Amino acid sequence: MSGDHSHASALSAGGRHKRPLLYAFCLTALYMVVEALAGIITGSLALLSDAGHMLTDVAGLGMALAAIQFAQSRRSRSHTYGLYRLEVLASLMNAVLLFGVAAFVIVEAVGRFSDPPDIPGAPLLIVAAVGLVVNLISFRLLQAGAKESLNVRGAFLEVVGDALGSAGVLLAGVILLVTGWPYADPIIGAGIGLFILPRALRLGREALRILLEIAPPDVDVAEVERRLASLSGVRSVHDLHVWTLTSGLEAASGHLVLESESALRAVLEQATDVLGKEFNVHHITLQCEPAGLREPAMEV
């Protein structure tokens, strides 16, 4: 027995997020170019690091859009689940990009502490202020989708981080304008790099968890097995698996040994109800077996 309606809900969710992602992608790409040029002209590490962070936003948003497009492809005989996992791969690539940008910024910042360049404060202030507005618009566009999709959540987290990065650059601009303290720029730049690292780690861990088909963190597999085994008409449960196909699409499969073949319909209805309502698992494949059926030997 299988719950195929979960595939349709995942596809419709992806379609809903496509337009906001496209708007956020265009806004971020445009301003990334502006910020990078301003960073090169002024020599500001804070601006360059924020532009680098925006580059990961652009790449992440682009991959998120591509993942949604491919995930909407029809299932085929060779791709029986469609291409849902592409959004998870996109999230993992985002995490790798974020690590790379963070490492570059931190290394560059350390090198500048010995001889901080003279950075004008006013251009920093203006560019960062406009960048913050762009980030807040993208934040609003992606806020709803981040609650439903790991793919969109990855892009959303990057935008949130970039908004904080723009706020940091804004602070550096104020300090330079008011005091002229040259260390403000490398310190803020290094701070942005350090802020990126834990977010990249969290996103990468979530993506790897799905790719390795580890049970969802909020599902206790032992408790699932106990609940299924406690159902009326079920003698035992074996070969139970719970995993995540893609964000928001949990799956389960297992074998239920029945007390009597006449209990088949009632057991399937109860088991589906338990998995859906108690554990939020809706893509379900269960095999019901009569008591006494010899279980196949498992290869080690």
C-alpha atoms as a PDB file:
ATOM      1  CA  MET A   1       0.000   0.000   0.000  1.00  0.00           C
ATOM      2  CA  SER A   2       1.462   3.381  -0.950  1.00  0.00           C
ATOM      3  CA  GLY A   3       0.553   7.071  -0.496  1.00  0.00           C
ATOM      4  CA  ASP A   4       1.271   8.594  -3.916  1.00  0.00           C
ATOM      5  CA  HIS A   5      -0.620  11.819  -3.151  1.00  0.00           C
ATOM      6  CA  SER A   6       2.537  13.026  -1.378  1.00  0.00           C
ATOM      7  CA  HIS A   7       4.311  13.247  -4.768  1.00  0.00           C
ATOM      8  CA  ALA A   8       1.643  15.595  -6.089  1.00  0.00           C
ATOM      9  CA  SER A   9       1.830  17.826  -3.018  1.00  0.00           C
ATOM     10  CA  ALA A  10       5.623  18.088  -3.358  1.00  0.00           C
ATOM     11  CA  LEU A  11       5.314  19.119  -6.997  1.00  0.00           C
ATOM     12  CA  SER A  12       2.693  21.767  -6.288  1.00  0.00           C
ATOM     13  CA  ALA A  13       4.831  23.147  -3.439  1.00  0.00           C
ATOM     14  CA  GLY A  14       7.798  23.492  -5.813  1.00  0.00           C
ATOM     15  CA  GLY A  15       5.672  25.335  -8.364  1.00  0.00           C
ATOM     16  CA  ARG A  16       4.489  27.816  -5.729  1.00  0.00           C
ATOM     17  CA  HIS A  17       8.065  28.742  -4.809  1.00  0.00           C
ATOM     18  CA  LYS A  18       9.383  29.194  -8.349  1.00  0.00           C
ATOM     19  CA  ARG A  19       8.296  32.786  -9.002  1.00  0.00           C
ATOM     20  CA  PRO A  20       9.487  34.250  -5.645  1.00  0.00           C
ATOM     21  CA  LEU A  21      12.827  32.469  -6.194  1.00  0.00           C
ATOM     22  CA  LEU A  22      13.128  33.982  -9.672  1.00  0.00           C
ATOM     23  CA  TYR A  23      12.463  37.516  -8.374  1.00  0.00           C
ATOM     24  CA  ALA A  24      14.954  37.079  -5.536  1.00  0.00           C
ATOM     25  CA  PHE A  25      17.524  35.658  -7.981  1.00  0.00           C
ATOM     26  CA  CYS A  26      17.301  38.657 -10.330  1.00  0.00           C
ATOM     27  CA  LEU A  27      17.477  41.219  -7.504  1.00  0.00           C
ATOM     28  CA  THR A  28      20.428  39.537  -5.815  1.00  0.00           C
ATOM     29  CA  ALA A  29      22.397  38.990  -9.040  1.00  0.00           C
ATOM     30  CA  LEU A  30      22.016  42.628 -10.048  1.00  0.00           C
ATOM     31  CA  TYR A  31      23.139  43.998  -6.729  1.00  0.00           C
ATOM     32  CA  MET A  32      25.965  41.478  -6.367  1.00  0.00           C
ATOM     33  CA  VAL A  33      27.608  43.053  -9.421  1.00  0.00           C
ATOM     34  CA  VAL A  34      27.152  46.542  -7.966  1.00  0.00           C
ATOM     35  CA  GLU A  35      28.613  45.528  -4.598  1.00  0.00           C
ATOM     36  CA  ALA A  36      31.562  43.678  -6.136  1.00  0.00           C
ATOM     37  CA  LEU A  37      32.459  46.692  -8.281  1.00  0.00           C
ATOM     38  CA  ALA A  38      32.175  48.992  -5.267  1.00  0.00           C
ATOM     39  CA  GLY A  39      34.405  46.634  -3.243  1.00  0.00           C
ATOM     40  CA  ILE A  40      37.070  46.555  -5.961  1.00  0.00           C
ATOM     41  CA  ILE A  41      37.031  50.346  -6.399  1.00  0.00           C
ATOM     42  CA  THR A  42      37.188  51.112  -2.656  1.00  0.00           C
ATOM     43  CA  GLY A  43      39.351  48.130  -1.678  1.00  0.00           C
ATOM     44  CA  SER A  44      36.885  47.197   1.067  1.00  0.00           C
ATOM     45  CA  LEU A  45      37.131  43.604   2.306  1.00  0.00           C
ATOM     46  CA  ALA A  46      33.768  43.968   4.033  1.00  0.00           C
ATOM     47  CA  LEU A  47      32.101  44.845   0.719  1.00  0.00           C
ATOM     48  CA  LEU A  48      33.980  42.146  -1.184  1.00  0.00           C
ATOM     49  CA  SER A  49      33.093  39.513   1.430  1.00  0.00           C
ATOM     50  CA  ASP A  50      29.451  40.550   1.302  1.00  0.00           C
ATOM     51  CA  ALA A  51      29.575  40.434  -2.517  1.00  0.00           C
ATOM     52  CA  GLY A  52      31.080  36.947  -2.257  1.00  0.00           C
ATOM     53  CA  HIS A  53      28.276  35.974   0.054  1.00  0.00           C
ATOM     54  CA  MET A  54      25.829  37.384  -2.471  1.00  0.00           C
ATOM     55  CA  LEU A  55      27.537  35.270  -5.143  1.00  0.00           C
ATOM     56  CA  THR A  56      26.653  32.166  -3.123  1.00  0.00           C
ATOM     57  CA  ASP A  57      23.108  33.546  -2.851  1.00  0.00           C
ATOM     58  CA  VAL A  58      22.929  33.878  -6.641  1.00  0.00           C
ATOM     59  CA  ALA A  59      24.357  30.377  -7.153  1.00  0.00           C
ATOM     60  CA  GLY A  60      22.068  28.974  -4.486  1.00  0.00           C
ATOM     61  CA  LEU A  61      18.962  30.638  -5.865  1.00  0.00           C
ATOM     62  CA  GLY A  62      19.894  29.534  -9.387  1.00  0.00           C
ATOM     63  CA  MET A  63      20.382  25.938  -8.276  1.00  0.00           C
ATOM     64  CA  ALA A  64      17.149  26.086  -6.305  1.00  0.00           C
ATOM     65  CA  LEU A  65      15.284  27.204  -9.427  1.00  0.00           C
ATOM     66  CA  ALA A  66      16.929  24.486 -11.509  1.00  0.00           C
ATOM     67  CA  ALA A  67      16.142  21.874  -8.867  1.00  0.00           C
ATOM     68  CA  ILE A  68      12.452  22.838  -8.826  1.00  0.00           C
ATOM     69  CA  GLN A  69      12.346  22.701 -12.624  1.00  0.00           C
ATOM     70  CA  PHE A  70      13.930  19.246 -12.753  1.00  0.00           C
ATOM     71  CA  ALA A  71      11.936  17.975  -9.787  1.00  0.00           C
ATOM     72  CA  GLN A  72       8.733  18.728 -11.703  1.00  0.00           C
ATOM     73  CA  SER A  73       9.806  16.283 -14.418  1.00  0.00           C
ATOM     74  CA  ARG A  74       7.620  13.224 -14.783  1.00  0.00           C
ATOM     75  CA  ARG A  75       8.667   9.950 -13.244  1.00  0.00           C
ATOM     76  CA  SER A  76       9.963   7.383 -15.701  1.00  0.00           C
ATOM     77  CA  ARG A  77      10.843   3.709 -15.637  1.00  0.00           C
ATOM     78  CA  SER A  78      14.414   4.577 -14.693  1.00  0.00           C
ATOM     79  CA  HIS A  79      13.600   7.568 -12.398  1.00  0.00           C
ATOM     80  CA  THR A  80      10.796   6.048 -10.345  1.00  0.00           C
ATOM     81  CA  TYR A  81      10.815   8.897  -7.819  1.00  0.00           C
ATOM     82  CA  GLY A  82      11.295  11.608 -10.421  1.00  0.00           C
ATOM     83  CA  LEU A  83      14.186  13.994  -9.716  1.00  0.00           C
ATOM     84  CA  TYR A  84      13.217  15.094  -6.204  1.00  0.00           C
ATOM     85  CA  ARG A  85      16.736  14.598  -4.839  1.00  0.00           C
ATOM     86  CA  LEU A  86      18.146  17.359  -7.077  1.00  0.00           C
ATOM     87  CA  GLU A  87      16.960  19.980  -4.598  1.00  0.00           C
ATOM     88  CA  VAL A  88      18.876  18.208  -1.843  1.00  0.00           C
ATOM     89  CA  LEU A  89      22.011  18.101  -4.013  1.00  0.00           C
ATOM     90  CA  ALA A  90      21.560  21.821  -4.677  1.00  0.00           C
ATOM     91  CA  SER A  91      21.420  22.434  -0.926  1.00  0.00           C
ATOM     92  CA  LEU A  92      24.626  20.447  -0.419  1.00  0.00           C
ATOM     93  CA  MET A  93      26.378  22.437  -3.151  1.00  0.00           C
ATOM     94  CA  ASN A  94      25.208  25.636  -1.465  1.00  0.00           C
ATOM     95  CA  ALA A  95      26.838  24.500   1.758  1.00  0.00           C
ATOM     96  CA  VAL A  96      30.142  23.791  -0.029  1.00  0.00           C
ATOM     97  CA  LEU A  97      30.060  27.235  -1.686  1.00  0.00           C
ATOM     98  CA  LEU A  98      29.409  28.903   1.651  1.00  0.00           C
ATOM     99  CA  PHE A  99      32.396  27.124   3.219  1.00  0.00           C
ATOM    100  CA  GLY A 100      34.640  28.286   0.366  1.00  0.00           C
ATOM    101  CA  VAL A 101      33.580  31.931   0.633  1.00  0.00           C
ATOM    102  CA  ALA A 102      33.966  31.917   4.424  1.00  0.00           C
ATOM    103  CA  ALA A 103      37.475  30.470   4.219  1.00  0.00           C
ATOM    104  CA  PHE A 104      38.574  33.051   1.624  1.00  0.00           C
ATOM    105  CA  VAL A 105      37.224  35.994   3.639  1.00  0.00           C
ATOM    106  CA  ILE A 106      38.778  34.855   6.924  1.00  0.00           C
ATOM    107  CA  VAL A 107      42.215  34.258   5.367  1.00  0.00           C
ATOM    108  CA  GLU A 108      42.100  37.652   3.602  1.00  0.00           C
ATOM    109  CA  ALA A 109      41.018  39.412   6.801  1.00  0.00           C
ATOM    110  CA  VAL A 110      43.909  37.914   8.798  1.00  0.00           C
ATOM    111  CA  GLY A 111      46.353  39.169   6.152  1.00  0.00           C
ATOM    112  CA  ARG A 112      44.955  42.705   6.357  1.00  0.00           C
ATOM    113  CA  PHE A 113      45.309  43.071  10.137  1.00  0.00           C
ATOM    114  CA  SER A 114      49.063  43.689   9.773  1.00  0.00           C
ATOM    115  CA  ASP A 115      48.560  46.481   7.232  1.00  0.00           C
ATOM    116  CA  PRO A 116      44.926  47.662   7.005  1.00  0.00           C
ATOM    117  CA  PRO A 117      44.237  49.713   3.846  1.00  0.00           C
ATOM    118  CA  ASP A 118      42.609  53.139   3.929  1.00  0.00           C
ATOM    119  CA  ILE A 119      38.915  52.571   3.123  1.00  0.00           C
ATOM    120  CA  PRO A 120      36.474  55.466   2.509  1.00  0.00           C
ATOM    121  CA  GLY A 121      33.455  55.231   4.817  1.00  0.00           C
ATOM    122  CA  ALA A 122      30.791  57.047   2.768  1.00  0.00           C
ATOM    123  CA  PRO A 123      30.731  54.624  -0.227  1.00  0.00           C
ATOM    124  CA  LEU A 124      30.567  51.697   2.189  1.00  0.00           C
ATOM    125  CA  LEU A 125      27.605  53.272   3.939  1.00  0.00           C
ATOM    126  CA  ILE A 126      25.635  53.934   0.754  1.00  0.00           C
ATOM    127  CA  VAL A 127      26.301  50.575  -0.933  1.00  0.00           C
ATOM    128  CA  ALA A 128      25.586  48.597   2.251  1.00  0.00           C
ATOM    129  CA  ALA A 129      22.326  50.473   2.880  1.00  0.00           C
ATOM    130  CA  VAL A 130      21.002  49.681  -0.603  1.00  0.00           C
ATOM    131  CA  GLY A 131      22.235  46.086  -0.269  1.00  0.00           C
ATOM    132  CA  LEU A 132      20.334  45.710   2.992  1.00  0.00           C
ATOM    133  CA  VAL A 133      17.118  46.842   1.279  1.00  0.00           C
ATOM    134  CA  VAL A 134      17.674  44.271  -1.501  1.00  0.00           C
ATOM    135  CA  ASN A 135      18.242  41.536   1.102  1.00  0.00           C
ATOM    136  CA  LEU A 136      15.083  42.464   3.000  1.00  0.00           C
ATOM    137  CA  ILE A 137      13.015  42.281  -0.207  1.00  0.00           C
ATOM    138  CA  SER A 138      14.475  38.828  -0.992  1.00  0.00           C
ATOM    139  CA  PHE A 139      13.872  37.794   2.624  1.00  0.00           C
ATOM    140  CA  ARG A 140      10.204  38.632   2.275  1.00  0.00           C
ATOM    141  CA  LEU A 141       9.920  36.820  -1.068  1.00  0.00           C
ATOM    142  CA  LEU A 142      11.385  33.580   0.299  1.00  0.00           C
ATOM    143  CA  GLN A 143       9.982  33.573   3.828  1.00  0.00           C
ATOM    144  CA  ALA A 144       6.907  31.435   3.127  1.00  0.00           C
ATOM    145  CA  GLY A 145       8.707  28.858   0.975  1.00  0.00           C
ATOM    146  CA  ALA A 146      11.459  28.341   3.576  1.00  0.00           C
ATOM    147  CA  LYS A 147       8.910  26.671   5.859  1.00  0.00           C
ATOM    148  CA  GLU A 148       8.077  23.990   3.269  1.00  0.00           C
ATOM    149  CA  SER A 149      11.245  23.247   1.315  1.00  0.00           C
ATOM    150  CA  LEU A 150      14.833  22.475   2.334  1.00  0.00           C
ATOM    151  CA  ASN A 151      15.907  23.782  -1.056  1.00  0.00           C
ATOM    152  CA  VAL A 152      14.211  27.171  -0.528  1.00  0.00           C
ATOM    153  CA  ARG A 153      15.335  27.169   3.114  1.00  0.00           C
ATOM    154  CA  GLY A 154      18.956  26.971   1.984  1.00  0.00           C
ATOM    155  CA  ALA A 155      18.528  30.022  -0.247  1.00  0.00           C
ATOM    156  CA  PHE A 156      16.541  31.768   2.494  1.00  0.00           C
ATOM    157  CA  LEU A 157      19.282  31.189   5.082  1.00  0.00           C
ATOM    158  CA  GLU A 158      21.841  32.660   2.713  1.00  0.00           C
ATOM    159  CA  VAL A 159      19.693  35.754   2.218  1.00  0.00           C
ATOM    160  CA  VAL A 160      19.259  36.114   5.999  1.00  0.00           C
ATOM    161  CA  GLY A 161      22.989  35.827   6.483  1.00  0.00           C
ATOM    162  CA  ASP A 162      23.632  38.303   3.698  1.00  0.00           C
ATOM    163  CA  ALA A 163      21.209  40.789   5.277  1.00  0.00           C
ATOM    164  CA  LEU A 164      23.216  40.561   8.502  1.00  0.00           C
ATOM    165  CA  GLY A 165      26.375  40.915   6.424  1.00  0.00           C
ATOM    166  CA  SER A 166      25.031  44.088   4.839  1.00  0.00           C
ATOM    167  CA  ALA A 167      24.193  45.384   8.313  1.00  0.00           C
ATOM    168  CA  GLY A 168      27.788  44.645   9.332  1.00  0.00           C
ATOM    169  CA  VAL A 169      29.161  46.532   6.325  1.00  0.00           C
ATOM    170  CA  LEU A 170      26.817  49.390   7.215  1.00  0.00           C
ATOM    171  CA  LEU A 171      28.328  49.429  10.709  1.00  0.00           C
ATOM    172  CA  ALA A 172      31.860  49.412   9.263  1.00  0.00           C
ATOM    173  CA  GLY A 173      30.937  52.376   7.067  1.00  0.00           C
ATOM    174  CA  VAL A 174      29.636  54.338  10.060  1.00  0.00           C
ATOM    175  CA  ILE A 175      32.784  53.589  12.100  1.00  0.00           C
ATOM    176  CA  LEU A 176      35.097  54.577   9.242  1.00  0.00           C
ATOM    177  CA  LEU A 177      33.119  57.725   8.538  1.00  0.00           C
ATOM    178  CA  VAL A 178      33.002  58.838  12.178  1.00  0.00           C
ATOM    179  CA  THR A 179      36.361  57.663  13.560  1.00  0.00           C
ATOM    180  CA  GLY A 180      38.458  56.619  10.547  1.00  0.00           C
ATOM    181  CA  TRP A 181      39.523  53.471  12.454  1.00  0.00           C
ATOM    182  CA  PRO A 182      41.124  51.270   9.721  1.00  0.00           C
ATOM    183  CA  TYR A 183      40.540  47.924  11.455  1.00  0.00           C
ATOM    184  CA  ALA A 184      36.753  48.190  11.200  1.00  0.00           C
ATOM    185  CA  ASP A 185      36.728  46.854   7.631  1.00  0.00           C
ATOM    186  CA  PRO A 186      38.802  43.644   8.128  1.00  0.00           C
ATOM    187  CA  ILE A 187      37.120  42.912  11.470  1.00  0.00           C
ATOM    188  CA  ILE A 188      33.624  43.171   9.964  1.00  0.00           C
ATOM    189  CA  GLY A 189      34.786  41.142   6.946  1.00  0.00           C
ATOM    190  CA  ALA A 190      36.129  38.364   9.193  1.00  0.00           C
ATOM    191  CA  GLY A 191      32.924  38.505  11.255  1.00  0.00           C
ATOM    192  CA  ILE A 192      30.844  37.896   8.127  1.00  0.00           C
ATOM    193  CA  GLY A 193      33.050  34.919   7.249  1.00  0.00           C
ATOM    194  CA  LEU A 194      32.708  33.432  10.747  1.00  0.00           C
ATOM    195  CA  PHE A 195      28.947  33.929  10.625  1.00  0.00           C
ATOM    196  CA  ILE A 196      28.701  31.953   7.373  1.00  0.00           C
ATOM    197  CA  LEU A 197      30.456  28.827   8.711  1.00  0.00           C
ATOM    198  CA  PRO A 198      27.870  27.415  11.185  1.00  0.00           C
ATOM    199  CA  ARG A 199      25.006  28.040   8.744  1.00  0.00           C
ATOM    200  CA  ALA A 200      26.890  26.174   6.028  1.00  0.00           C
ATOM    201  CA  LEU A 201      27.536  23.303   8.438  1.00  0.00           C
ATOM    202  CA  ARG A 202      23.868  23.071   9.419  1.00  0.00           C
ATOM    203  CA  LEU A 203      22.647  23.139   5.826  1.00  0.00           C
ATOM    204  CA  GLY A 204      25.206  20.545   4.709  1.00  0.00           C
ATOM    205  CA  ARG A 205      24.297  18.266   7.619  1.00  0.00           C
ATOM    206  CA  GLU A 206      20.589  18.404   6.743  1.00  0.00           C
ATOM    207  CA  ALA A 207      21.270  17.628   3.077  1.00  0.00           C
ATOM    208  CA  LEU A 208      23.610  14.725   3.905  1.00  0.00           C
ATOM    209  CA  ARG A 209      21.054  13.307   6.316  1.00  0.00           C
ATOM    210  CA  ILE A 210      18.561  13.032   3.457  1.00  0.00           C
ATOM    211  CA  LEU A 211      21.081  11.722   0.910  1.00  0.00           C
ATOM    212  CA  LEU A 212      22.224   9.020   3.358  1.00  0.00           C
ATOM    213  CA  GLU A 213      18.570   8.117   3.998  1.00  0.00           C
ATOM    214  CA  ILE A 214      18.878   8.564   7.744  1.00  0.00           C
ATOM    215  CA  ALA A 215      15.541   8.671   9.567  1.00  0.00           C
ATOM    216  CA  PRO A 216      14.089  12.195  10.005  1.00  0.00           C
ATOM    217  CA  PRO A 217      15.314  13.771  13.275  1.00  0.00           C
ATOM    218  CA  ASP A 218      11.767  14.116  14.626  1.00  0.00           C
ATOM    219  CA  VAL A 219      10.840  10.456  13.994  1.00  0.00           C
ATOM    220  CA  ASP A 220      11.738   7.789  16.579  1.00  0.00           C
ATOM    221  CA  VAL A 221      11.916   4.600  14.482  1.00  0.00           C
ATOM    222  CA  ALA A 222      11.779   2.376  17.570  1.00  0.00           C
ATOM    223  CA  GLU A 223       8.555   4.095  18.612  1.00  0.00           C
ATOM    224  CA  VAL A 224       7.118   3.694  15.099  1.00  0.00           C
ATOM    225  CA  GLU A 225       7.845  -0.031  15.251  1.00  0.00           C
ATOM    226  CA  ARG A 226       6.311  -0.304  18.730  1.00  0.00           C
ATOM    227  CA  ARG A 227       3.122   1.483  17.627  1.00  0.00           C
ATOM    228  CA  LEU A 228       2.699  -0.675  14.528  1.00  0.00           C
ATOM    229  CA  ALA A 229       3.323  -3.859  16.507  1.00  0.00           C
ATOM    230  CA  SER A 230       0.677  -2.804  19.051  1.00  0.00           C
ATOM    231  CA  LEU A 231      -2.093  -2.594  16.434  1.00  0.00           C
ATOM    232  CA  SER A 232      -4.921  -5.097  16.686  1.00  0.00           C
ATOM    233  CA  GLY A 233      -4.296  -7.968  14.295  1.00  0.00           C
ATOM    234  CA  VAL A 234      -0.491  -7.446  14.044  1.00  0.00           C
ATOM    235  CA  ARG A 235       1.750 -10.190  15.450  1.00  0.00           C
ATOM    236  CA  SER A 236       5.124  -8.573  14.658  1.00  0.00           C
ATOM    237  CA  VAL A 237       6.930  -5.973  12.526  1.00  0.00           C
ATOM    238  CA  HIS A 238      10.209  -6.393  10.640  1.00  0.00           C
ATOM    239  CA  ASP A 239      12.327  -4.662   7.956  1.00  0.00           C
ATOM    240  CA  LEU A 240      10.934  -1.258   8.942  1.00  0.00           C
ATOM    241  CA  HIS A 241      12.560   1.746   7.219  1.00  0.00           C
ATOM    242  CA  VAL A 242      11.787   5.459   7.579  1.00  0.00           C
ATOM    243  CA  TRP A 243      13.577   8.073   5.474  1.00  0.00           C
ATOM    244  CA  THR A 244      13.147  11.409   3.693  1.00  0.00           C
ATOM    245  CA  LEU A 245      12.785  11.511  -0.092  1.00  0.00           C
ATOM    246  CA  THR A 246      13.107  15.300  -0.195  1.00  0.00           C
ATOM    247  CA  SER A 247      12.140  18.133   2.121  1.00  0.00           C
ATOM    248  CA  GLY A 248       8.596  17.692   3.381  1.00  0.00           C
ATOM    249  CA  LEU A 249       8.220  14.201   1.905  1.00  0.00           C
ATOM    250  CA  GLU A 250       8.824  11.472   4.492  1.00  0.00           C
ATOM    251  CA  ALA A 251       8.557   7.815   3.474  1.00  0.00           C
ATOM    252  CA  ALA A 252       8.237   4.490   5.272  1.00  0.00           C
ATOM    253  CA  SER A 253       8.240   0.835   4.284  1.00  0.00           C
ATOM    254  CA  GLY A 254       7.952  -2.328   6.319  1.00  0.00           C
ATOM    255  CA  HIS A 255       6.548  -5.818   6.768  1.00  0.00           C
ATOM    256  CA  LEU A 256       3.636  -6.527   9.101  1.00  0.00           C
ATOM    257  CA  VAL A 257       3.038 -10.134  10.171  1.00  0.00           C
ATOM    258  CA  LEU A 258      -0.708 -10.639  10.682  1.00  0.00           C
ATOM    259  CA  GLU A 259      -2.521 -12.733  13.251  1.00  0.00           C
ATOM    260  CA  SER A 260      -5.064 -13.584  10.558  1.00  0.00           C
ATOM    261  CA  GLU A 261      -5.418 -12.812   6.856  1.00  0.00           C
ATOM    262  CA  SER A 262      -8.929 -11.537   7.545  1.00  0.00           C
ATOM    263  CA  ALA A 263      -7.375  -8.599   9.443  1.00  0.00           C
ATOM    264  CA  LEU A 264      -5.598  -7.308   6.320  1.00  0.00           C
ATOM    265  CA  ARG A 265      -7.856  -4.352   5.488  1.00  0.00           C
ATOM    266  CA  ALA A 266      -8.249  -3.173   9.087  1.00  0.00           C
ATOM    267  CA  VAL A 267      -4.498  -3.397   9.743  1.00  0.00           C
ATOM    268  CA  LEU A 268      -3.588  -1.392   6.641  1.00  0.00           C
ATOM    269  CA  GLU A 269      -6.082   1.331   7.525  1.00  0.00           C
ATOM    270  CA  GLN A 270      -4.851   1.541  11.122  1.00  0.00           C
ATOM    271  CA  ALA A 271      -1.161   1.489  10.144  1.00  0.00           C
ATOM    272  CA  THR A 272      -1.608   4.225   7.526  1.00  0.00           C
ATOM    273  CA  ASP A 273      -3.525   6.325  10.028  1.00  0.00           C
ATOM    274  CA  VAL A 274      -0.840   5.926  12.717  1.00  0.00           C
ATOM    275  CA  LEU A 275       2.048   6.760  10.376  1.00  0.00           C
ATOM    276  CA  GLY A 276       0.301   9.797   8.902  1.00  0.00           C
ATOM    277  CA  LYS A 277      -1.237  11.358  12.006  1.00  0.00           C
ATOM    278  CA  GLU A 278       1.331  10.466  14.673  1.00  0.00           C
ATOM    279  CA  PHE A 279       4.577  10.577  12.702  1.00  0.00           C
ATOM    280  CA  ASN A 280       3.733  12.780   9.676  1.00  0.00           C
ATOM    281  CA  VAL A 281       4.800  10.050   7.234  1.00  0.00           C
ATOM    282  CA  HIS A 282       2.539   9.956   4.183  1.00  0.00           C
ATOM    283  CA  HIS A 283       4.422   7.998   1.506  1.00  0.00           C
ATOM    284  CA  ILE A 284       3.847   4.509   2.879  1.00  0.00           C
ATOM    285  CA  THR A 285       4.561   1.038   1.479  1.00  0.00           C
ATOM    286  CA  LEU A 286       3.591  -1.868   3.730  1.00  0.00           C
ATOM    287  CA  GLN A 287       3.695  -5.573   3.028  1.00  0.00           C
ATOM    288  CA  CYS A 288       1.320  -7.700   5.090  1.00  0.00           C
ATOM    289  CA  GLU A 289       2.269 -11.341   5.632  1.00  0.00           C
ATOM    290  CA  PRO A 290       0.401 -14.272   7.171  1.00  0.00           C
ATOM    291  CA  ALA A 291       1.845 -15.743  10.369  1.00  0.00           C
ATOM    292  CA  GLY A 292       4.208 -18.626   9.679  1.00  0.00           C
ATOM    293  CA  LEU A 293       5.511 -17.274   6.376  1.00  0.00           C
ATOM    294  CA  ARG A 294       9.234 -17.864   6.246  1.00  0.00           C
ATOM    295  CA  GLU A 295      11.160 -14.584   6.148  1.00  0.00           C
ATOM    296  CA  PRO A 296      13.846 -14.311   3.450  1.00  0.00           C
ATOM    297  CA  ALA A 297      17.421 -14.493   4.688  1.00  0.00           C
ATOM    298  CA  MET A 298      19.222 -11.144   4.733  1.00  0.00           C
ATOM    299  CA  GLU A 299      22.667 -10.815   3.150  1.00  0.00           C
ATOM    300  CA  VAL A 300      25.367  -9.266   5.324  1.00  0.00           C
END
